[in-house]
Amino acid sequence: MFEGFRETQVDVGEAAVFVRHGGEGPPVVLLHGHPRTSATWHRVAPRLVAAGHTVVCPDLRGYGRSRGPRFTTDHEGYSKRAVAGDVVAVMRHLGHRRFALAGHDRGGSVALRLSLDHPDVVSRVAFLDCLPLTEHLSRITTEFATQWWHWFFFAQQDIPERVIMADPDSWYQGDPDVMGPENYAEWRQATRDPAVVRAMLEDYRAGLTVDRRHEESDRAAGARIACPTLVLWSLRDDLEELHGDPVAIWRRWATDVRGHGIDSGHHVAEQAPEALASALTGFLSDPPTPTSWIE
């Protein structure tokens, strides 16, 4: 995986972030979701490098080979604001002041926070199979609660750790044929580590508490993403089925939004890498819309 990429562990203060990076040209950061690591991008990142980009793939705080601070009852150490700060620090360490950003699933929540908290560093942003956390929570239905019950299970204290670690392979159910053997091996090692599992659960606990409050404050203040925004979703997942047109929802949060579905299941970077890389490459090379944003 990641031929020609370098691997670096970046100390950002209260966390240590493992990052893969390679290529030359305008930088783009790829943020993975739960329960993956940066290895999920192994079929997409080389395509973006071939298209002329520097590509940076970190493990989110506490995921994979990254490490975060001690766990606290307020979950602040695993908030999307904290993780977004990690990404900014990593990019500064690598010499990049401004960059494009793509986030999948939980990585999309980090991308949203980073775009709102640090608008000067984000040139454009892509959200992959995700919505703002508060948009999900404001649309809770029986169908959502039935299909996304894990959000609320993960938010419980102690019980999820015991259940998951009793048999992590059965809980997470990875497939080496779909994921690729090296990606699968890295993912399996991570999901069998109790510290990683606890950190991934803290991500969800923060989502329903501190992250929700941050998003509610943004909405009350009228905060919006000013840079060009791409929304992509998996046609064989349930995002559109549950909530309707994702582009319409994201237009509540950003001024310049475009997007479309991709024929894939949820883990689009592994299941439809060519289509995803093509969509991202086109978006990254498009000129900005003059009326909304100037690079």
C-alpha atoms as a PDB file:
ATOM      1  CA  MET A   1       0.000   0.000   0.000  1.00  0.00           C
ATOM      2  CA  PHE A   2       0.952   3.660  -0.497  1.00  0.00           C
ATOM      3  CA  GLU A   3       4.024   3.076  -2.641  1.00  0.00           C
ATOM      4  CA  GLY A   4       6.233   6.159  -2.518  1.00  0.00           C
ATOM      5  CA  PHE A   5       4.483   7.596   0.539  1.00  0.00           C
ATOM      6  CA  ARG A   6       6.301   8.482   3.739  1.00  0.00           C
ATOM      7  CA  GLU A   7       5.094   7.663   7.245  1.00  0.00           C
ATOM      8  CA  THR A   8       5.507  10.203  10.043  1.00  0.00           C
ATOM      9  CA  GLN A   9       4.430  10.442  13.675  1.00  0.00           C
ATOM     10  CA  VAL A  10       3.706  14.094  14.460  1.00  0.00           C
ATOM     11  CA  ASP A  11       3.637  15.328  18.063  1.00  0.00           C
ATOM     12  CA  VAL A  12       0.883  17.960  18.255  1.00  0.00           C
ATOM     13  CA  GLY A  13       0.970  18.463  22.014  1.00  0.00           C
ATOM     14  CA  GLU A  14      -1.673  16.400  23.742  1.00  0.00           C
ATOM     15  CA  ALA A  15      -1.810  13.922  20.848  1.00  0.00           C
ATOM     16  CA  ALA A  16       0.558  12.078  18.522  1.00  0.00           C
ATOM     17  CA  VAL A  17      -0.757  11.726  14.972  1.00  0.00           C
ATOM     18  CA  PHE A  18       0.371   9.019  12.570  1.00  0.00           C
ATOM     19  CA  VAL A  19       0.292  10.299   8.999  1.00  0.00           C
ATOM     20  CA  ARG A  20       0.996   8.987   5.512  1.00  0.00           C
ATOM     21  CA  HIS A  21       1.975  11.612   2.940  1.00  0.00           C
ATOM     22  CA  GLY A  22       3.269  11.636  -0.595  1.00  0.00           C
ATOM     23  CA  GLY A  23       3.168  13.301  -3.995  1.00  0.00           C
ATOM     24  CA  GLU A  24       3.801  16.810  -5.219  1.00  0.00           C
ATOM     25  CA  GLY A  25       1.453  19.672  -6.008  1.00  0.00           C
ATOM     26  CA  PRO A  26      -1.506  21.293  -4.253  1.00  0.00           C
ATOM     27  CA  PRO A  27      -2.120  19.511  -0.938  1.00  0.00           C
ATOM     28  CA  VAL A  28      -5.266  17.600  -0.058  1.00  0.00           C
ATOM     29  CA  VAL A  29      -6.006  15.925   3.279  1.00  0.00           C
ATOM     30  CA  LEU A  30      -8.099  12.738   3.382  1.00  0.00           C
ATOM     31  CA  LEU A  31      -9.881  12.016   6.682  1.00  0.00           C
ATOM     32  CA  HIS A  32     -11.191   8.497   7.279  1.00  0.00           C
ATOM     33  CA  GLY A  33     -14.288   7.419   9.181  1.00  0.00           C
ATOM     34  CA  HIS A  34     -15.175   4.819  11.797  1.00  0.00           C
ATOM     35  CA  PRO A  35     -13.797   2.225  12.334  1.00  0.00           C
ATOM     36  CA  ARG A  36     -11.157   2.632   9.641  1.00  0.00           C
ATOM     37  CA  THR A  37      -7.613   4.025   9.608  1.00  0.00           C
ATOM     38  CA  SER A  38      -5.774   6.099   7.012  1.00  0.00           C
ATOM     39  CA  ALA A  39      -5.174   2.827   5.147  1.00  0.00           C
ATOM     40  CA  THR A  40      -8.761   2.999   3.853  1.00  0.00           C
ATOM     41  CA  TRP A  41      -7.476   5.502   1.249  1.00  0.00           C
ATOM     42  CA  HIS A  42      -4.918   3.096  -0.248  1.00  0.00           C
ATOM     43  CA  ARG A  43      -6.763   2.887  -3.580  1.00  0.00           C
ATOM     44  CA  VAL A  44      -7.642   6.595  -3.780  1.00  0.00           C
ATOM     45  CA  ALA A  45      -4.498   8.367  -2.573  1.00  0.00           C
ATOM     46  CA  PRO A  46      -2.211   7.091  -5.384  1.00  0.00           C
ATOM     47  CA  ARG A  47      -4.756   8.245  -7.973  1.00  0.00           C
ATOM     48  CA  LEU A  48      -4.750  11.746  -6.512  1.00  0.00           C
ATOM     49  CA  VAL A  49      -0.943  11.759  -6.495  1.00  0.00           C
ATOM     50  CA  ALA A  50      -0.990  10.726 -10.165  1.00  0.00           C
ATOM     51  CA  ALA A  51      -3.348  13.665 -10.809  1.00  0.00           C
ATOM     52  CA  GLY A  52      -0.748  16.074  -9.420  1.00  0.00           C
ATOM     53  CA  HIS A  53      -1.528  16.444  -5.719  1.00  0.00           C
ATOM     54  CA  THR A  54       0.312  16.147  -2.461  1.00  0.00           C
ATOM     55  CA  VAL A  55      -1.855  13.741  -0.443  1.00  0.00           C
ATOM     56  CA  VAL A  56      -1.877  13.579   3.349  1.00  0.00           C
ATOM     57  CA  CYS A  57      -3.721  10.761   5.151  1.00  0.00           C
ATOM     58  CA  PRO A  58      -3.681  10.945   8.965  1.00  0.00           C
ATOM     59  CA  ASP A  59      -5.121   8.502  11.450  1.00  0.00           C
ATOM     60  CA  LEU A  60      -7.677  10.501  13.428  1.00  0.00           C
ATOM     61  CA  ARG A  61      -6.849  11.132  17.079  1.00  0.00           C
ATOM     62  CA  GLY A  62      -7.032   7.797  18.924  1.00  0.00           C
ATOM     63  CA  TYR A  63      -7.678   5.757  15.774  1.00  0.00           C
ATOM     64  CA  GLY A  64      -5.131   3.399  14.216  1.00  0.00           C
ATOM     65  CA  ARG A  65      -1.608   4.394  15.197  1.00  0.00           C
ATOM     66  CA  SER A  66      -2.509   7.875  16.466  1.00  0.00           C
ATOM     67  CA  ARG A  67      -2.768   8.485  20.185  1.00  0.00           C
ATOM     68  CA  GLY A  68      -4.821  11.017  22.102  1.00  0.00           C
ATOM     69  CA  PRO A  69      -4.971  12.383  25.636  1.00  0.00           C
ATOM     70  CA  ARG A  70      -6.430  10.685  28.676  1.00  0.00           C
ATOM     71  CA  PHE A  71     -10.162  10.145  28.669  1.00  0.00           C
ATOM     72  CA  THR A  72     -12.345  12.618  30.582  1.00  0.00           C
ATOM     73  CA  THR A  73     -16.031  12.742  31.434  1.00  0.00           C
ATOM     74  CA  ASP A  74     -16.605  15.827  29.262  1.00  0.00           C
ATOM     75  CA  HIS A  75     -15.099  14.068  26.179  1.00  0.00           C
ATOM     76  CA  GLU A  76     -13.397  17.344  25.153  1.00  0.00           C
ATOM     77  CA  GLY A  77     -10.142  15.577  24.317  1.00  0.00           C
ATOM     78  CA  TYR A  78     -11.877  13.672  21.507  1.00  0.00           C
ATOM     79  CA  SER A  79     -14.072  16.475  20.212  1.00  0.00           C
ATOM     80  CA  LYS A  80     -14.041  17.289  16.519  1.00  0.00           C
ATOM     81  CA  ARG A  81     -12.585  20.677  17.454  1.00  0.00           C
ATOM     82  CA  ALA A  82      -9.582  18.969  19.041  1.00  0.00           C
ATOM     83  CA  VAL A  83      -9.134  16.611  16.090  1.00  0.00           C
ATOM     84  CA  ALA A  84      -9.440  19.492  13.613  1.00  0.00           C
ATOM     85  CA  GLY A  85      -6.648  21.227  15.503  1.00  0.00           C
ATOM     86  CA  ASP A  86      -4.516  18.105  15.046  1.00  0.00           C
ATOM     87  CA  VAL A  87      -4.961  18.293  11.275  1.00  0.00           C
ATOM     88  CA  VAL A  88      -3.936  21.958  11.155  1.00  0.00           C
ATOM     89  CA  ALA A  89      -0.854  21.199  13.275  1.00  0.00           C
ATOM     90  CA  VAL A  90       0.107  18.220  11.095  1.00  0.00           C
ATOM     91  CA  MET A  91      -0.174  20.261   7.913  1.00  0.00           C
ATOM     92  CA  ARG A  92       1.929  23.069   9.376  1.00  0.00           C
ATOM     93  CA  HIS A  93       4.513  20.483  10.401  1.00  0.00           C
ATOM     94  CA  LEU A  94       4.594  19.234   6.800  1.00  0.00           C
ATOM     95  CA  GLY A  95       4.922  22.788   5.480  1.00  0.00           C
ATOM     96  CA  HIS A  96       1.388  23.401   4.183  1.00  0.00           C
ATOM     97  CA  ARG A  97      -0.415  26.582   5.219  1.00  0.00           C
ATOM     98  CA  ARG A  98      -3.521  26.003   3.094  1.00  0.00           C
ATOM     99  CA  PHE A  99      -5.023  22.813   1.751  1.00  0.00           C
ATOM    100  CA  ALA A 100      -8.079  21.060   0.367  1.00  0.00           C
ATOM    101  CA  LEU A 101      -9.926  18.604   2.545  1.00  0.00           C
ATOM    102  CA  ALA A 102     -12.100  15.501   2.129  1.00  0.00           C
ATOM    103  CA  GLY A 103     -13.761  13.735   5.034  1.00  0.00           C
ATOM    104  CA  HIS A 104     -15.708  10.474   5.080  1.00  0.00           C
ATOM    105  CA  ASP A 105     -18.198   9.521   7.794  1.00  0.00           C
ATOM    106  CA  ARG A 106     -16.737  10.682  11.154  1.00  0.00           C
ATOM    107  CA  GLY A 107     -13.913  12.315   9.195  1.00  0.00           C
ATOM    108  CA  GLY A 108     -16.605  14.455   7.583  1.00  0.00           C
ATOM    109  CA  SER A 109     -17.548  15.807  11.003  1.00  0.00           C
ATOM    110  CA  VAL A 110     -13.903  16.751  11.543  1.00  0.00           C
ATOM    111  CA  ALA A 111     -13.831  18.379   8.099  1.00  0.00           C
ATOM    112  CA  LEU A 112     -16.897  20.453   8.987  1.00  0.00           C
ATOM    113  CA  ARG A 113     -15.371  21.626  12.253  1.00  0.00           C
ATOM    114  CA  LEU A 114     -12.050  22.422  10.586  1.00  0.00           C
ATOM    115  CA  SER A 115     -13.769  24.395   7.799  1.00  0.00           C
ATOM    116  CA  LEU A 116     -15.721  26.497  10.311  1.00  0.00           C
ATOM    117  CA  ASP A 117     -12.977  26.953  12.901  1.00  0.00           C
ATOM    118  CA  HIS A 118     -10.093  27.520  10.450  1.00  0.00           C
ATOM    119  CA  PRO A 119     -11.596  28.948   7.240  1.00  0.00           C
ATOM    120  CA  ASP A 120      -8.296  30.579   6.299  1.00  0.00           C
ATOM    121  CA  VAL A 121      -6.549  27.217   5.845  1.00  0.00           C
ATOM    122  CA  VAL A 122      -9.223  25.278   3.897  1.00  0.00           C
ATOM    123  CA  SER A 123      -9.271  25.995   0.162  1.00  0.00           C
ATOM    124  CA  ARG A 124     -12.170  23.627  -0.593  1.00  0.00           C
ATOM    125  CA  VAL A 125     -13.861  20.744   1.165  1.00  0.00           C
ATOM    126  CA  ALA A 126     -15.593  17.483   0.215  1.00  0.00           C
ATOM    127  CA  PHE A 127     -18.010  15.623   2.488  1.00  0.00           C
ATOM    128  CA  LEU A 128     -18.386  11.916   1.745  1.00  0.00           C
ATOM    129  CA  ASP A 129     -21.470   9.997   2.907  1.00  0.00           C
ATOM    130  CA  CYS A 130     -22.112  12.224   5.903  1.00  0.00           C
ATOM    131  CA  LEU A 131     -24.146  15.130   7.258  1.00  0.00           C
ATOM    132  CA  PRO A 132     -23.558  17.488  10.173  1.00  0.00           C
ATOM    133  CA  LEU A 133     -24.223  15.606  13.406  1.00  0.00           C
ATOM    134  CA  THR A 134     -27.062  17.933  14.374  1.00  0.00           C
ATOM    135  CA  GLU A 135     -28.817  17.364  11.054  1.00  0.00           C
ATOM    136  CA  HIS A 136     -28.969  13.656  11.878  1.00  0.00           C
ATOM    137  CA  LEU A 137     -30.108  14.307  15.436  1.00  0.00           C
ATOM    138  CA  SER A 138     -32.831  16.735  14.391  1.00  0.00           C
ATOM    139  CA  ARG A 139     -34.279  14.096  12.050  1.00  0.00           C
ATOM    140  CA  ILE A 140     -34.526  11.139  14.409  1.00  0.00           C
ATOM    141  CA  THR A 141     -37.248   8.755  13.282  1.00  0.00           C
ATOM    142  CA  THR A 142     -38.006   5.151  14.106  1.00  0.00           C
ATOM    143  CA  GLU A 143     -36.102   4.155  10.961  1.00  0.00           C
ATOM    144  CA  PHE A 144     -33.051   6.224  11.936  1.00  0.00           C
ATOM    145  CA  ALA A 145     -33.040   4.912  15.515  1.00  0.00           C
ATOM    146  CA  THR A 146     -33.356   1.340  14.245  1.00  0.00           C
ATOM    147  CA  GLN A 147     -30.610   1.553  11.629  1.00  0.00           C
ATOM    148  CA  TRP A 148     -28.239   3.930  13.465  1.00  0.00           C
ATOM    149  CA  TRP A 149     -28.775   2.576  16.978  1.00  0.00           C
ATOM    150  CA  HIS A 150     -25.000   2.162  17.405  1.00  0.00           C
ATOM    151  CA  TRP A 151     -24.637   5.951  17.861  1.00  0.00           C
ATOM    152  CA  PHE A 152     -26.581   5.759  21.107  1.00  0.00           C
ATOM    153  CA  PHE A 153     -25.079   2.449  22.195  1.00  0.00           C
ATOM    154  CA  PHE A 154     -21.548   3.817  21.751  1.00  0.00           C
ATOM    155  CA  ALA A 155     -22.476   6.832  23.886  1.00  0.00           C
ATOM    156  CA  GLN A 156     -23.033   4.625  26.941  1.00  0.00           C
ATOM    157  CA  GLN A 157     -20.233   4.334  29.470  1.00  0.00           C
ATOM    158  CA  ASP A 158     -18.170   1.118  29.814  1.00  0.00           C
ATOM    159  CA  ILE A 159     -20.742  -1.303  28.364  1.00  0.00           C
ATOM    160  CA  PRO A 160     -19.746  -0.886  24.676  1.00  0.00           C
ATOM    161  CA  GLU A 161     -16.074  -1.525  25.470  1.00  0.00           C
ATOM    162  CA  ARG A 162     -16.913  -4.827  27.168  1.00  0.00           C
ATOM    163  CA  VAL A 163     -19.256  -5.946  24.406  1.00  0.00           C
ATOM    164  CA  ILE A 164     -16.922  -5.064  21.525  1.00  0.00           C
ATOM    165  CA  MET A 165     -13.710  -6.410  23.051  1.00  0.00           C
ATOM    166  CA  ALA A 166     -15.373  -9.753  23.799  1.00  0.00           C
ATOM    167  CA  ASP A 167     -15.161 -10.477  20.050  1.00  0.00           C
ATOM    168  CA  PRO A 168     -13.994  -7.481  17.961  1.00  0.00           C
ATOM    169  CA  ASP A 169     -13.762  -9.504  14.743  1.00  0.00           C
ATOM    170  CA  SER A 170     -17.444 -10.428  14.927  1.00  0.00           C
ATOM    171  CA  TRP A 171     -18.444  -6.915  15.933  1.00  0.00           C
ATOM    172  CA  TYR A 172     -16.653  -5.019  13.157  1.00  0.00           C
ATOM    173  CA  GLN A 173     -16.843  -7.693  10.420  1.00  0.00           C
ATOM    174  CA  GLY A 174     -14.155  -6.584   7.984  1.00  0.00           C
ATOM    175  CA  ASP A 175     -13.654  -8.318   4.646  1.00  0.00           C
ATOM    176  CA  PRO A 176     -10.073  -8.596   3.296  1.00  0.00           C
ATOM    177  CA  ASP A 177     -11.353  -9.236  -0.232  1.00  0.00           C
ATOM    178  CA  VAL A 178     -13.209  -5.904  -0.253  1.00  0.00           C
ATOM    179  CA  MET A 179     -10.790  -3.880   1.850  1.00  0.00           C
ATOM    180  CA  GLY A 180      -7.548  -5.288   0.440  1.00  0.00           C
ATOM    181  CA  PRO A 181      -5.388  -7.581   2.585  1.00  0.00           C
ATOM    182  CA  GLU A 182      -2.951  -4.967   3.922  1.00  0.00           C
ATOM    183  CA  ASN A 183      -5.697  -2.478   4.739  1.00  0.00           C
ATOM    184  CA  TYR A 184      -7.640  -5.266   6.442  1.00  0.00           C
ATOM    185  CA  ALA A 185      -4.630  -6.368   8.497  1.00  0.00           C
ATOM    186  CA  GLU A 186      -3.970  -2.814   9.715  1.00  0.00           C
ATOM    187  CA  TRP A 187      -7.653  -2.277  10.507  1.00  0.00           C
ATOM    188  CA  ARG A 188      -7.889  -5.611  12.351  1.00  0.00           C
ATOM    189  CA  GLN A 189      -4.866  -4.827  14.482  1.00  0.00           C
ATOM    190  CA  ALA A 190      -6.363  -1.461  15.428  1.00  0.00           C
ATOM    191  CA  THR A 191      -9.816  -2.783  16.266  1.00  0.00           C
ATOM    192  CA  ARG A 192      -8.332  -5.424  18.577  1.00  0.00           C
ATOM    193  CA  ASP A 193      -6.539  -2.750  20.636  1.00  0.00           C
ATOM    194  CA  PRO A 194      -8.624  -1.747  23.705  1.00  0.00           C
ATOM    195  CA  ALA A 195      -7.139   1.775  23.708  1.00  0.00           C
ATOM    196  CA  VAL A 196      -8.167   2.336  20.090  1.00  0.00           C
ATOM    197  CA  VAL A 197     -11.665   0.973  20.679  1.00  0.00           C
ATOM    198  CA  ARG A 198     -12.089   3.274  23.694  1.00  0.00           C
ATOM    199  CA  ALA A 199     -10.914   6.274  21.654  1.00  0.00           C
ATOM    200  CA  MET A 200     -13.336   5.443  18.826  1.00  0.00           C
ATOM    201  CA  LEU A 201     -16.166   5.303  21.347  1.00  0.00           C
ATOM    202  CA  GLU A 202     -15.061   8.644  22.789  1.00  0.00           C
ATOM    203  CA  ASP A 203     -15.458  10.050  19.267  1.00  0.00           C
ATOM    204  CA  TYR A 204     -19.156   9.088  19.399  1.00  0.00           C
ATOM    205  CA  ARG A 205     -19.581  10.256  22.993  1.00  0.00           C
ATOM    206  CA  ALA A 206     -18.172  13.637  22.010  1.00  0.00           C
ATOM    207  CA  GLY A 207     -20.496  13.668  19.003  1.00  0.00           C
ATOM    208  CA  LEU A 208     -23.637  13.581  21.128  1.00  0.00           C
ATOM    209  CA  THR A 209     -22.358  16.103  23.679  1.00  0.00           C
ATOM    210  CA  VAL A 210     -19.628  18.662  23.037  1.00  0.00           C
ATOM    211  CA  ASP A 211     -19.705  18.370  19.218  1.00  0.00           C
ATOM    212  CA  ARG A 212     -23.476  18.792  19.162  1.00  0.00           C
ATOM    213  CA  ARG A 213     -23.163  21.957  21.255  1.00  0.00           C
ATOM    214  CA  HIS A 214     -20.502  23.359  18.935  1.00  0.00           C
ATOM    215  CA  GLU A 215     -22.706  22.794  15.878  1.00  0.00           C
ATOM    216  CA  GLU A 216     -25.738  24.300  17.597  1.00  0.00           C
ATOM    217  CA  SER A 217     -23.674  27.402  18.390  1.00  0.00           C
ATOM    218  CA  ASP A 218     -22.597  27.616  14.741  1.00  0.00           C
ATOM    219  CA  ARG A 219     -26.190  27.469  13.549  1.00  0.00           C
ATOM    220  CA  ALA A 220     -27.312  30.098  16.062  1.00  0.00           C
ATOM    221  CA  ALA A 221     -24.493  32.389  14.917  1.00  0.00           C
ATOM    222  CA  GLY A 222     -25.247  31.823  11.222  1.00  0.00           C
ATOM    223  CA  ALA A 223     -21.774  30.371  10.539  1.00  0.00           C
ATOM    224  CA  ARG A 224     -21.318  28.967   7.019  1.00  0.00           C
ATOM    225  CA  ILE A 225     -18.564  27.384   4.980  1.00  0.00           C
ATOM    226  CA  ALA A 226     -17.410  29.930   2.425  1.00  0.00           C
ATOM    227  CA  CYS A 227     -15.157  27.794   0.213  1.00  0.00           C
ATOM    228  CA  PRO A 228     -16.348  25.478  -2.607  1.00  0.00           C
ATOM    229  CA  THR A 229     -18.014  22.391  -1.171  1.00  0.00           C
ATOM    230  CA  LEU A 230     -18.568  18.956  -2.718  1.00  0.00           C
ATOM    231  CA  VAL A 231     -21.080  16.464  -1.327  1.00  0.00           C
ATOM    232  CA  LEU A 232     -20.855  12.813  -2.371  1.00  0.00           C
ATOM    233  CA  TRP A 233     -22.945   9.985  -0.989  1.00  0.00           C
ATOM    234  CA  SER A 234     -23.184   6.220  -1.454  1.00  0.00           C
ATOM    235  CA  LEU A 235     -26.222   5.114  -3.432  1.00  0.00           C
ATOM    236  CA  ARG A 236     -26.140   1.680  -1.772  1.00  0.00           C
ATOM    237  CA  ASP A 237     -26.187   3.149   1.730  1.00  0.00           C
ATOM    238  CA  ASP A 238     -29.123   4.778   3.551  1.00  0.00           C
ATOM    239  CA  LEU A 239     -28.189   8.478   3.854  1.00  0.00           C
ATOM    240  CA  GLU A 240     -30.459   9.737   1.081  1.00  0.00           C
ATOM    241  CA  GLU A 241     -33.193   7.242   1.933  1.00  0.00           C
ATOM    242  CA  LEU A 242     -33.368   8.455   5.533  1.00  0.00           C
ATOM    243  CA  HIS A 243     -32.851  12.197   5.082  1.00  0.00           C
ATOM    244  CA  GLY A 244     -33.534  13.190   1.491  1.00  0.00           C
ATOM    245  CA  ASP A 245     -31.214  15.139  -0.813  1.00  0.00           C
ATOM    246  CA  PRO A 246     -27.847  15.561   0.965  1.00  0.00           C
ATOM    247  CA  VAL A 247     -26.936  18.568  -1.219  1.00  0.00           C
ATOM    248  CA  ALA A 248     -30.029  20.440  -0.044  1.00  0.00           C
ATOM    249  CA  ILE A 249     -29.127  19.769   3.575  1.00  0.00           C
ATOM    250  CA  TRP A 250     -25.522  20.874   3.152  1.00  0.00           C
ATOM    251  CA  ARG A 251     -26.713  24.136   1.566  1.00  0.00           C
ATOM    252  CA  ARG A 252     -27.812  25.124   5.073  1.00  0.00           C
ATOM    253  CA  TRP A 253     -24.134  25.011   6.037  1.00  0.00           C
ATOM    254  CA  ALA A 254     -22.218  26.191   2.961  1.00  0.00           C
ATOM    255  CA  THR A 255     -22.605  28.859   0.297  1.00  0.00           C
ATOM    256  CA  ASP A 256     -21.214  27.000  -2.740  1.00  0.00           C
ATOM    257  CA  VAL A 257     -22.375  23.365  -2.814  1.00  0.00           C
ATOM    258  CA  ARG A 258     -22.479  20.780  -5.555  1.00  0.00           C
ATOM    259  CA  GLY A 259     -22.690  17.000  -5.385  1.00  0.00           C
ATOM    260  CA  HIS A 260     -24.022  13.644  -6.551  1.00  0.00           C
ATOM    261  CA  GLY A 261     -24.344  10.015  -5.513  1.00  0.00           C
ATOM    262  CA  ILE A 262     -21.797   7.279  -6.228  1.00  0.00           C
ATOM    263  CA  ASP A 263     -22.694   3.649  -6.913  1.00  0.00           C
ATOM    264  CA  SER A 264     -21.132   2.181  -3.789  1.00  0.00           C
ATOM    265  CA  GLY A 265     -21.739   0.983  -0.273  1.00  0.00           C
ATOM    266  CA  HIS A 266     -20.746   3.116   2.695  1.00  0.00           C
ATOM    267  CA  HIS A 267     -16.972   2.561   2.505  1.00  0.00           C
ATOM    268  CA  VAL A 268     -16.669   4.275  -0.855  1.00  0.00           C
ATOM    269  CA  ALA A 269     -12.871   4.651  -0.835  1.00  0.00           C
ATOM    270  CA  GLU A 270     -12.562   0.865  -0.771  1.00  0.00           C
ATOM    271  CA  GLN A 271     -15.585  -0.084  -2.881  1.00  0.00           C
ATOM    272  CA  ALA A 272     -15.555   2.580  -5.623  1.00  0.00           C
ATOM    273  CA  PRO A 273     -12.079   4.149  -5.609  1.00  0.00           C
ATOM    274  CA  GLU A 274     -12.025   5.053  -9.300  1.00  0.00           C
ATOM    275  CA  ALA A 275     -15.332   6.916  -9.164  1.00  0.00           C
ATOM    276  CA  LEU A 276     -14.374   8.667  -5.940  1.00  0.00           C
ATOM    277  CA  ALA A 277     -10.920   9.677  -7.149  1.00  0.00           C
ATOM    278  CA  SER A 278     -12.418  10.958 -10.410  1.00  0.00           C
ATOM    279  CA  ALA A 279     -14.996  13.061  -8.542  1.00  0.00           C
ATOM    280  CA  LEU A 280     -12.382  14.484  -6.182  1.00  0.00           C
ATOM    281  CA  THR A 281      -9.905  15.204  -8.974  1.00  0.00           C
ATOM    282  CA  GLY A 282     -12.529  17.066 -10.970  1.00  0.00           C
ATOM    283  CA  PHE A 283     -13.605  19.070  -7.941  1.00  0.00           C
ATOM    284  CA  LEU A 284     -10.057  19.952  -6.937  1.00  0.00           C
ATOM    285  CA  SER A 285      -9.242  21.179 -10.434  1.00  0.00           C
ATOM    286  CA  ASP A 286     -12.443  23.192 -10.977  1.00  0.00           C
ATOM    287  CA  PRO A 287     -12.091  26.976 -10.805  1.00  0.00           C
ATOM    288  CA  PRO A 288     -13.907  28.516  -7.831  1.00  0.00           C
ATOM    289  CA  THR A 289     -17.314  30.086  -8.312  1.00  0.00           C
ATOM    290  CA  PRO A 290     -16.587  33.831  -8.662  1.00  0.00           C
ATOM    291  CA  THR A 291     -19.684  34.946  -6.792  1.00  0.00           C
ATOM    292  CA  SER A 292     -18.960  32.935  -3.666  1.00  0.00           C
ATOM    293  CA  TRP A 293     -15.257  32.401  -3.210  1.00  0.00           C
ATOM    294  CA  ILE A 294     -11.874  33.470  -4.544  1.00  0.00           C
ATOM    295  CA  GLU A 295      -8.765  31.294  -4.063  1.00  0.00           C
END
